[in-house]
Amino acid sequence: MSANTTAPVVKEHGWCSCLPNVRASGEHIESIAKKNDFATAHTVYGKFDINELEKFLSSKDSEFYFCGPAGIATAAWKK
């Protein structure tokens, strides 16, 4: 990520269904969003869907970071 970016930054974190009740770093991300006007956090369960993600974007001109198993990143990149 560029230190000088003015574009919104979107981090998507996916997790495998073998641990359905675990959200890696979820509470930490939510605490950051609560303390900072520039940050928001959204939790969505189920298979990655670009249409679901678009509901939360303030701009399509954003920097995206996808984290999780290879299949999640591949699915996101193809969209």
PDB file of N, CA and C in Angstrom:
ATOM      1  N   MET A   1       0.848  -1.166   0.000  1.00  0.00           N
ATOM      2  CA  MET A   1       0.000   0.000   0.000  1.00  0.00           C
ATOM      3  C   MET A   1       0.893   1.228   0.000  1.00  0.00           C
ATOM      4  N   SER A   2       0.528   2.185  -0.791  1.00  0.00           N
ATOM      5  CA  SER A   2       1.271   3.428  -0.856  1.00  0.00           C
ATOM      6  C   SER A   2       1.012   4.265   0.400  1.00  0.00           C
ATOM      7  N   ALA A   3       2.056   4.797   0.960  1.00  0.00           N
ATOM      8  CA  ALA A   3       1.904   5.641   2.154  1.00  0.00           C
ATOM      9  C   ALA A   3       1.181   6.936   1.824  1.00  0.00           C
ATOM     10  N   ASN A   4       1.189   7.322   0.555  1.00  0.00           N
ATOM     11  CA  ASN A   4       0.586   8.590   0.149  1.00  0.00           C
ATOM     12  C   ASN A   4      -0.788   8.424  -0.486  1.00  0.00           C
ATOM     13  N   THR A   5      -1.366   7.256  -0.409  1.00  0.00           N
ATOM     14  CA  THR A   5      -2.646   7.035  -1.067  1.00  0.00           C
ATOM     15  C   THR A   5      -3.755   7.867  -0.434  1.00  0.00           C
ATOM     16  N   THR A   6      -4.646   8.335  -1.279  1.00  0.00           N
ATOM     17  CA  THR A   6      -5.852   9.000  -0.787  1.00  0.00           C
ATOM     18  C   THR A   6      -7.075   8.135  -1.079  1.00  0.00           C
ATOM     19  N   ALA A   7      -6.843   7.010  -1.763  1.00  0.00           N
ATOM     20  CA  ALA A   7      -7.938   6.093  -2.086  1.00  0.00           C
ATOM     21  C   ALA A   7      -8.326   5.294  -0.846  1.00  0.00           C
ATOM     22  N   PRO A   8      -9.600   4.943  -0.743  1.00  0.00           N
ATOM     23  CA  PRO A   8     -10.005   4.069   0.356  1.00  0.00           C
ATOM     24  C   PRO A   8      -9.270   2.731   0.259  1.00  0.00           C
ATOM     25  N   VAL A   9      -8.970   2.142   1.388  1.00  0.00           N
ATOM     26  CA  VAL A   9      -8.291   0.848   1.433  1.00  0.00           C
ATOM     27  C   VAL A   9      -9.289  -0.187   1.934  1.00  0.00           C
ATOM     28  N   VAL A  10      -9.425  -1.277   1.199  1.00  0.00           N
ATOM     29  CA  VAL A  10     -10.356  -2.342   1.554  1.00  0.00           C
ATOM     30  C   VAL A  10      -9.558  -3.595   1.853  1.00  0.00           C
ATOM     31  N   LYS A  11      -9.745  -4.142   3.045  1.00  0.00           N
ATOM     32  CA  LYS A  11      -9.102  -5.403   3.413  1.00  0.00           C
ATOM     33  C   LYS A  11     -10.195  -6.443   3.572  1.00  0.00           C
ATOM     34  N   GLU A  12     -10.100  -7.503   2.796  1.00  0.00           N
ATOM     35  CA  GLU A  12     -11.049  -8.607   2.897  1.00  0.00           C
ATOM     36  C   GLU A  12     -10.303  -9.777   3.481  1.00  0.00           C
ATOM     37  N   HIS A  13     -10.858 -10.365   4.526  1.00  0.00           N
ATOM     38  CA  HIS A  13     -10.216 -11.512   5.166  1.00  0.00           C
ATOM     39  C   HIS A  13     -11.179 -12.680   5.133  1.00  0.00           C
ATOM     40  N   GLY A  14     -10.765 -13.741   4.491  1.00  0.00           N
ATOM     41  CA  GLY A  14     -11.608 -14.937   4.413  1.00  0.00           C
ATOM     42  C   GLY A  14     -11.063 -16.036   5.299  1.00  0.00           C
ATOM     43  N   TRP A  15     -11.929 -16.916   5.691  1.00  0.00           N
ATOM     44  CA  TRP A  15     -11.521 -18.023   6.549  1.00  0.00           C
ATOM     45  C   TRP A  15     -12.246 -19.270   6.100  1.00  0.00           C
ATOM     46  N   CYS A  16     -11.647 -20.397   6.318  1.00  0.00           N
ATOM     47  CA  CYS A  16     -12.241 -21.662   5.868  1.00  0.00           C
ATOM     48  C   CYS A  16     -13.414 -22.069   6.756  1.00  0.00           C
ATOM     49  N   SER A  17     -14.301 -22.854   6.187  1.00  0.00           N
ATOM     50  CA  SER A  17     -15.509 -23.257   6.911  1.00  0.00           C
ATOM     51  C   SER A  17     -15.235 -24.256   8.031  1.00  0.00           C
ATOM     52  N   CYS A  18     -14.006 -24.763   8.127  1.00  0.00           N
ATOM     53  CA  CYS A  18     -13.713 -25.709   9.205  1.00  0.00           C
ATOM     54  C   CYS A  18     -13.657 -25.014  10.562  1.00  0.00           C
ATOM     55  N   LEU A  19     -13.588 -23.695  10.575  1.00  0.00           N
ATOM     56  CA  LEU A  19     -13.582 -22.920  11.821  1.00  0.00           C
ATOM     57  C   LEU A  19     -14.644 -21.828  11.735  1.00  0.00           C
ATOM     58  N   PRO A  20     -15.923 -22.189  11.661  1.00  0.00           N
ATOM     59  CA  PRO A  20     -16.968 -21.196  11.402  1.00  0.00           C
ATOM     60  C   PRO A  20     -17.144 -20.141  12.481  1.00  0.00           C
ATOM     61  N   ASN A  21     -16.695 -20.394  13.698  1.00  0.00           N
ATOM     62  CA  ASN A  21     -16.894 -19.430  14.780  1.00  0.00           C
ATOM     63  C   ASN A  21     -15.659 -18.585  15.060  1.00  0.00           C
ATOM     64  N   VAL A  22     -14.652 -18.698  14.216  1.00  0.00           N
ATOM     65  CA  VAL A  22     -13.405 -17.963  14.420  1.00  0.00           C
ATOM     66  C   VAL A  22     -13.308 -16.844  13.394  1.00  0.00           C
ATOM     67  N   ARG A  23     -13.072 -15.636  13.866  1.00  0.00           N
ATOM     68  CA  ARG A  23     -12.828 -14.498  12.981  1.00  0.00           C
ATOM     69  C   ARG A  23     -11.459 -13.958  13.340  1.00  0.00           C
ATOM     70  N   ALA A  24     -10.467 -14.357  12.582  1.00  0.00           N
ATOM     71  CA  ALA A  24      -9.100 -13.928  12.866  1.00  0.00           C
ATOM     72  C   ALA A  24      -9.019 -12.413  12.812  1.00  0.00           C
ATOM     73  N   SER A  25      -8.608 -11.807  13.865  1.00  0.00           N
ATOM     74  CA  SER A  25      -8.417 -10.357  14.037  1.00  0.00           C
ATOM     75  C   SER A  25      -9.709  -9.548  13.943  1.00  0.00           C
ATOM     76  N   GLY A  26     -10.859 -10.188  13.930  1.00  0.00           N
ATOM     77  CA  GLY A  26     -12.127  -9.475  13.794  1.00  0.00           C
ATOM     78  C   GLY A  26     -12.372  -8.448  14.883  1.00  0.00           C
ATOM     79  N   GLU A  27     -12.154  -8.823  16.123  1.00  0.00           N
ATOM     80  CA  GLU A  27     -12.386  -7.895  17.232  1.00  0.00           C
ATOM     81  C   GLU A  27     -11.410  -6.723  17.176  1.00  0.00           C
ATOM     82  N   HIS A  28     -10.175  -7.002  16.779  1.00  0.00           N
ATOM     83  CA  HIS A  28      -9.168  -5.938  16.678  1.00  0.00           C
ATOM     84  C   HIS A  28      -9.560  -4.934  15.594  1.00  0.00           C
ATOM     85  N   ILE A  29      -9.981  -5.422  14.453  1.00  0.00           N
ATOM     86  CA  ILE A  29     -10.398  -4.539  13.351  1.00  0.00           C
ATOM     87  C   ILE A  29     -11.602  -3.704  13.780  1.00  0.00           C
ATOM     88  N   GLU A  30     -12.566  -4.328  14.444  1.00  0.00           N
ATOM     89  CA  GLU A  30     -13.746  -3.592  14.897  1.00  0.00           C
ATOM     90  C   GLU A  30     -13.383  -2.513  15.909  1.00  0.00           C
ATOM     91  N   SER A  31     -12.416  -2.779  16.782  1.00  0.00           N
ATOM     92  CA  SER A  31     -12.010  -1.764  17.762  1.00  0.00           C
ATOM     93  C   SER A  31     -11.330  -0.583  17.072  1.00  0.00           C
ATOM     94  N   ILE A  32     -10.571  -0.846  16.034  1.00  0.00           N
ATOM     95  CA  ILE A  32      -9.944   0.243  15.264  1.00  0.00           C
ATOM     96  C   ILE A  32     -11.021   1.098  14.610  1.00  0.00           C
ATOM     97  N   ALA A  33     -12.012   0.455  14.014  1.00  0.00           N
ATOM     98  CA  ALA A  33     -13.085   1.190  13.344  1.00  0.00           C
ATOM     99  C   ALA A  33     -13.873   2.058  14.321  1.00  0.00           C
ATOM    100  N   LYS A  34     -14.083   1.569  15.534  1.00  0.00           N
ATOM    101  CA  LYS A  34     -14.832   2.338  16.529  1.00  0.00           C
ATOM    102  C   LYS A  34     -14.070   3.570  17.002  1.00  0.00           C
ATOM    103  N   LYS A  35     -12.737   3.500  16.979  1.00  0.00           N
ATOM    104  CA  LYS A  35     -11.908   4.597  17.483  1.00  0.00           C
ATOM    105  C   LYS A  35     -11.541   5.622  16.416  1.00  0.00           C
ATOM    106  N   ASN A  36     -11.806   5.318  15.142  1.00  0.00           N
ATOM    107  CA  ASN A  36     -11.350   6.183  14.057  1.00  0.00           C
ATOM    108  C   ASN A  36     -12.468   6.453  13.059  1.00  0.00           C
ATOM    109  N   ASP A  37     -12.715   7.726  12.803  1.00  0.00           N
ATOM    110  CA  ASP A  37     -13.759   8.106  11.857  1.00  0.00           C
ATOM    111  C   ASP A  37     -13.467   7.631  10.439  1.00  0.00           C
ATOM    112  N   PHE A  38     -12.203   7.434  10.112  1.00  0.00           N
ATOM    113  CA  PHE A  38     -11.829   7.067   8.749  1.00  0.00           C
ATOM    114  C   PHE A  38     -11.965   5.574   8.472  1.00  0.00           C
ATOM    115  N   ALA A  39     -12.309   4.777   9.466  1.00  0.00           N
ATOM    116  CA  ALA A  39     -12.357   3.324   9.296  1.00  0.00           C
ATOM    117  C   ALA A  39     -13.753   2.782   9.578  1.00  0.00           C
ATOM    118  N   THR A  40     -14.136   1.768   8.830  1.00  0.00           N
ATOM    119  CA  THR A  40     -15.372   1.037   9.092  1.00  0.00           C
ATOM    120  C   THR A  40     -15.065  -0.454   9.032  1.00  0.00           C
ATOM    121  N   ALA A  41     -15.868  -1.242   9.698  1.00  0.00           N
ATOM    122  CA  ALA A  41     -15.698  -2.697   9.688  1.00  0.00           C
ATOM    123  C   ALA A  41     -17.047  -3.340   9.407  1.00  0.00           C
ATOM    124  N   HIS A  42     -17.047  -4.348   8.571  1.00  0.00           N
ATOM    125  CA  HIS A  42     -18.263  -5.078   8.227  1.00  0.00           C
ATOM    126  C   HIS A  42     -17.941  -6.565   8.251  1.00  0.00           C
ATOM    127  N   THR A  43     -18.821  -7.357   8.800  1.00  0.00           N
ATOM    128  CA  THR A  43     -18.648  -8.804   8.820  1.00  0.00           C
ATOM    129  C   THR A  43     -19.738  -9.428   7.966  1.00  0.00           C
ATOM    130  N   VAL A  44     -19.323 -10.254   7.027  1.00  0.00           N
ATOM    131  CA  VAL A  44     -20.246 -10.955   6.140  1.00  0.00           C
ATOM    132  C   VAL A  44     -19.857 -12.422   6.154  1.00  0.00           C
ATOM    133  N   TYR A  45     -20.815 -13.286   6.297  1.00  0.00           N
ATOM    134  CA  TYR A  45     -20.547 -14.720   6.320  1.00  0.00           C
ATOM    135  C   TYR A  45     -20.978 -15.348   5.000  1.00  0.00           C
ATOM    136  N   GLY A  46     -20.314 -16.405   4.628  1.00  0.00           N
ATOM    137  CA  GLY A  46     -20.659 -17.131   3.409  1.00  0.00           C
ATOM    138  C   GLY A  46     -19.599 -16.944   2.343  1.00  0.00           C
ATOM    139  N   LYS A  47     -19.877 -17.459   1.174  1.00  0.00           N
ATOM    140  CA  LYS A  47     -18.946 -17.401   0.051  1.00  0.00           C
ATOM    141  C   LYS A  47     -18.747 -15.959  -0.404  1.00  0.00           C
ATOM    142  N   PHE A  48     -17.520 -15.638  -0.800  1.00  0.00           N
ATOM    143  CA  PHE A  48     -17.203 -14.281  -1.242  1.00  0.00           C
ATOM    144  C   PHE A  48     -18.092 -13.883  -2.411  1.00  0.00           C
ATOM    145  N   ASP A  49     -18.655 -12.700  -2.343  1.00  0.00           N
ATOM    146  CA  ASP A  49     -19.533 -12.181  -3.389  1.00  0.00           C
ATOM    147  C   ASP A  49     -19.195 -10.710  -3.601  1.00  0.00           C
ATOM    148  N   ILE A  50     -18.709 -10.377  -4.793  1.00  0.00           N
ATOM    149  CA  ILE A  50     -18.311  -8.996  -5.085  1.00  0.00           C
ATOM    150  C   ILE A  50     -19.487  -8.034  -4.927  1.00  0.00           C
ATOM    151  N   ASN A  51     -20.700  -8.476  -5.218  1.00  0.00           N
ATOM    152  CA  ASN A  51     -21.867  -7.608  -5.062  1.00  0.00           C
ATOM    153  C   ASN A  51     -22.099  -7.258  -3.598  1.00  0.00           C
ATOM    154  N   GLU A  52     -21.819  -8.189  -2.712  1.00  0.00           N
ATOM    155  CA  GLU A  52     -21.933  -7.925  -1.272  1.00  0.00           C
ATOM    156  C   GLU A  52     -20.899  -6.881  -0.851  1.00  0.00           C
ATOM    157  N   LEU A  53     -19.691  -7.022  -1.345  1.00  0.00           N
ATOM    158  CA  LEU A  53     -18.620  -6.084  -1.016  1.00  0.00           C
ATOM    159  C   LEU A  53     -18.943  -4.678  -1.513  1.00  0.00           C
ATOM    160  N   GLU A  54     -19.507  -4.572  -2.710  1.00  0.00           N
ATOM    161  CA  GLU A  54     -19.808  -3.259  -3.288  1.00  0.00           C
ATOM    162  C   GLU A  54     -20.776  -2.447  -2.436  1.00  0.00           C
ATOM    163  N   LYS A  55     -21.614  -3.115  -1.639  1.00  0.00           N
ATOM    164  CA  LYS A  55     -22.557  -2.392  -0.779  1.00  0.00           C
ATOM    165  C   LYS A  55     -21.845  -1.556   0.278  1.00  0.00           C
ATOM    166  N   PHE A  56     -20.613  -1.938   0.620  1.00  0.00           N
ATOM    167  CA  PHE A  56     -19.885  -1.257   1.681  1.00  0.00           C
ATOM    168  C   PHE A  56     -18.870  -0.244   1.168  1.00  0.00           C
ATOM    169  N   LEU A  57     -18.646  -0.187  -0.139  1.00  0.00           N
ATOM    170  CA  LEU A  57     -17.602   0.682  -0.687  1.00  0.00           C
ATOM    171  C   LEU A  57     -18.067   2.122  -0.790  1.00  0.00           C
ATOM    172  N   SER A  58     -17.202   3.035  -0.414  1.00  0.00           N
ATOM    173  CA  SER A  58     -17.494   4.449  -0.624  1.00  0.00           C
ATOM    174  C   SER A  58     -17.043   4.868  -2.016  1.00  0.00           C
ATOM    175  N   SER A  59     -16.124   4.104  -2.602  1.00  0.00           N
ATOM    176  CA  SER A  59     -15.597   4.398  -3.932  1.00  0.00           C
ATOM    177  C   SER A  59     -15.057   3.114  -4.547  1.00  0.00           C
ATOM    178  N   LYS A  60     -15.278   2.941  -5.852  1.00  0.00           N
ATOM    179  CA  LYS A  60     -14.679   1.795  -6.542  1.00  0.00           C
ATOM    180  C   LYS A  60     -13.206   2.046  -6.817  1.00  0.00           C
ATOM    181  N   ASP A  61     -12.772   3.279  -6.644  1.00  0.00           N
ATOM    182  CA  ASP A  61     -11.362   3.633  -6.791  1.00  0.00           C
ATOM    183  C   ASP A  61     -10.693   3.413  -5.437  1.00  0.00           C
ATOM    184  N   SER A  62     -10.524   2.157  -5.086  1.00  0.00           N
ATOM    185  CA  SER A  62      -9.981   1.776  -3.781  1.00  0.00           C
ATOM    186  C   SER A  62      -8.794   0.853  -3.966  1.00  0.00           C
ATOM    187  N   GLU A  63      -8.017   0.694  -2.918  1.00  0.00           N
ATOM    188  CA  GLU A  63      -6.947  -0.302  -2.906  1.00  0.00           C
ATOM    189  C   GLU A  63      -7.491  -1.507  -2.159  1.00  0.00           C
ATOM    190  N   PHE A  64      -7.364  -2.696  -2.764  1.00  0.00           N
ATOM    191  CA  PHE A  64      -7.926  -3.914  -2.204  1.00  0.00           C
ATOM    192  C   PHE A  64      -6.832  -4.863  -1.761  1.00  0.00           C
ATOM    193  N   TYR A  65      -7.041  -5.471  -0.597  1.00  0.00           N
ATOM    194  CA  TYR A  65      -6.137  -6.484  -0.058  1.00  0.00           C
ATOM    195  C   TYR A  65      -6.988  -7.662   0.378  1.00  0.00           C
ATOM    196  N   PHE A  66      -6.730  -8.830  -0.207  1.00  0.00           N
ATOM    197  CA  PHE A  66      -7.488 -10.031   0.112  1.00  0.00           C
ATOM    198  C   PHE A  66      -6.596 -10.996   0.863  1.00  0.00           C
ATOM    199  N   CYS A  67      -7.089 -11.487   1.971  1.00  0.00           N
ATOM    200  CA  CYS A  67      -6.318 -12.340   2.860  1.00  0.00           C
ATOM    201  C   CYS A  67      -7.121 -13.602   3.154  1.00  0.00           C
ATOM    202  N   GLY A  68      -6.488 -14.749   3.083  1.00  0.00           N
ATOM    203  CA  GLY A  68      -7.182 -15.993   3.377  1.00  0.00           C
ATOM    204  C   GLY A  68      -6.656 -17.115   2.518  1.00  0.00           C
ATOM    205  N   PRO A  69      -7.359 -18.233   2.490  1.00  0.00           N
ATOM    206  CA  PRO A  69      -6.938 -19.352   1.653  1.00  0.00           C
ATOM    207  C   PRO A  69      -6.858 -18.940   0.182  1.00  0.00           C
ATOM    208  N   ALA A  70      -6.030 -19.637  -0.580  1.00  0.00           N
ATOM    209  CA  ALA A  70      -5.793 -19.282  -1.986  1.00  0.00           C
ATOM    210  C   ALA A  70      -7.086 -19.167  -2.784  1.00  0.00           C
ATOM    211  N   GLY A  71      -8.053 -19.998  -2.522  1.00  0.00           N
ATOM    212  CA  GLY A  71      -9.315 -19.949  -3.258  1.00  0.00           C
ATOM    213  C   GLY A  71     -10.053 -18.636  -3.094  1.00  0.00           C
ATOM    214  N   ILE A  72      -9.949 -18.023  -1.941  1.00  0.00           N
ATOM    215  CA  ILE A  72     -10.623 -16.743  -1.698  1.00  0.00           C
ATOM    216  C   ILE A  72      -9.971 -15.637  -2.516  1.00  0.00           C
ATOM    217  N   ALA A  73      -8.664 -15.584  -2.482  1.00  0.00           N
ATOM    218  CA  ALA A  73      -7.952 -14.568  -3.257  1.00  0.00           C
ATOM    219  C   ALA A  73      -8.192 -14.763  -4.748  1.00  0.00           C
ATOM    220  N   THR A  74      -8.192 -16.007  -5.209  1.00  0.00           N
ATOM    221  CA  THR A  74      -8.435 -16.293  -6.622  1.00  0.00           C
ATOM    222  C   THR A  74      -9.837 -15.865  -7.026  1.00  0.00           C
ATOM    223  N   ALA A  75     -10.829 -16.179  -6.215  1.00  0.00           N
ATOM    224  CA  ALA A  75     -12.211 -15.797  -6.516  1.00  0.00           C
ATOM    225  C   ALA A  75     -12.358 -14.283  -6.555  1.00  0.00           C
ATOM    226  N   ALA A  76     -11.721 -13.593  -5.648  1.00  0.00           N
ATOM    227  CA  ALA A  76     -11.794 -12.131  -5.600  1.00  0.00           C
ATOM    228  C   ALA A  76     -11.115 -11.523  -6.816  1.00  0.00           C
ATOM    229  N   TRP A  77      -9.966 -12.064  -7.195  1.00  0.00           N
ATOM    230  CA  TRP A  77      -9.208 -11.515  -8.321  1.00  0.00           C
ATOM    231  C   TRP A  77      -9.974 -11.674  -9.622  1.00  0.00           C
ATOM    232  N   LYS A  78     -10.696 -12.778  -9.797  1.00  0.00           N
ATOM    233  CA  LYS A  78     -11.446 -13.045 -11.027  1.00  0.00           C
ATOM    234  C   LYS A  78     -12.625 -12.106 -11.185  1.00  0.00           C
ATOM    235  N   LYS A  79     -13.111 -11.538 -10.101  1.00  0.00           N
ATOM    236  CA  LYS A  79     -14.265 -10.644 -10.161  1.00  0.00           C
ATOM    237  C   LYS A  79     -13.819  -9.320 -10.706  1.00  0.00           C
TER     238      LYS A  79
END
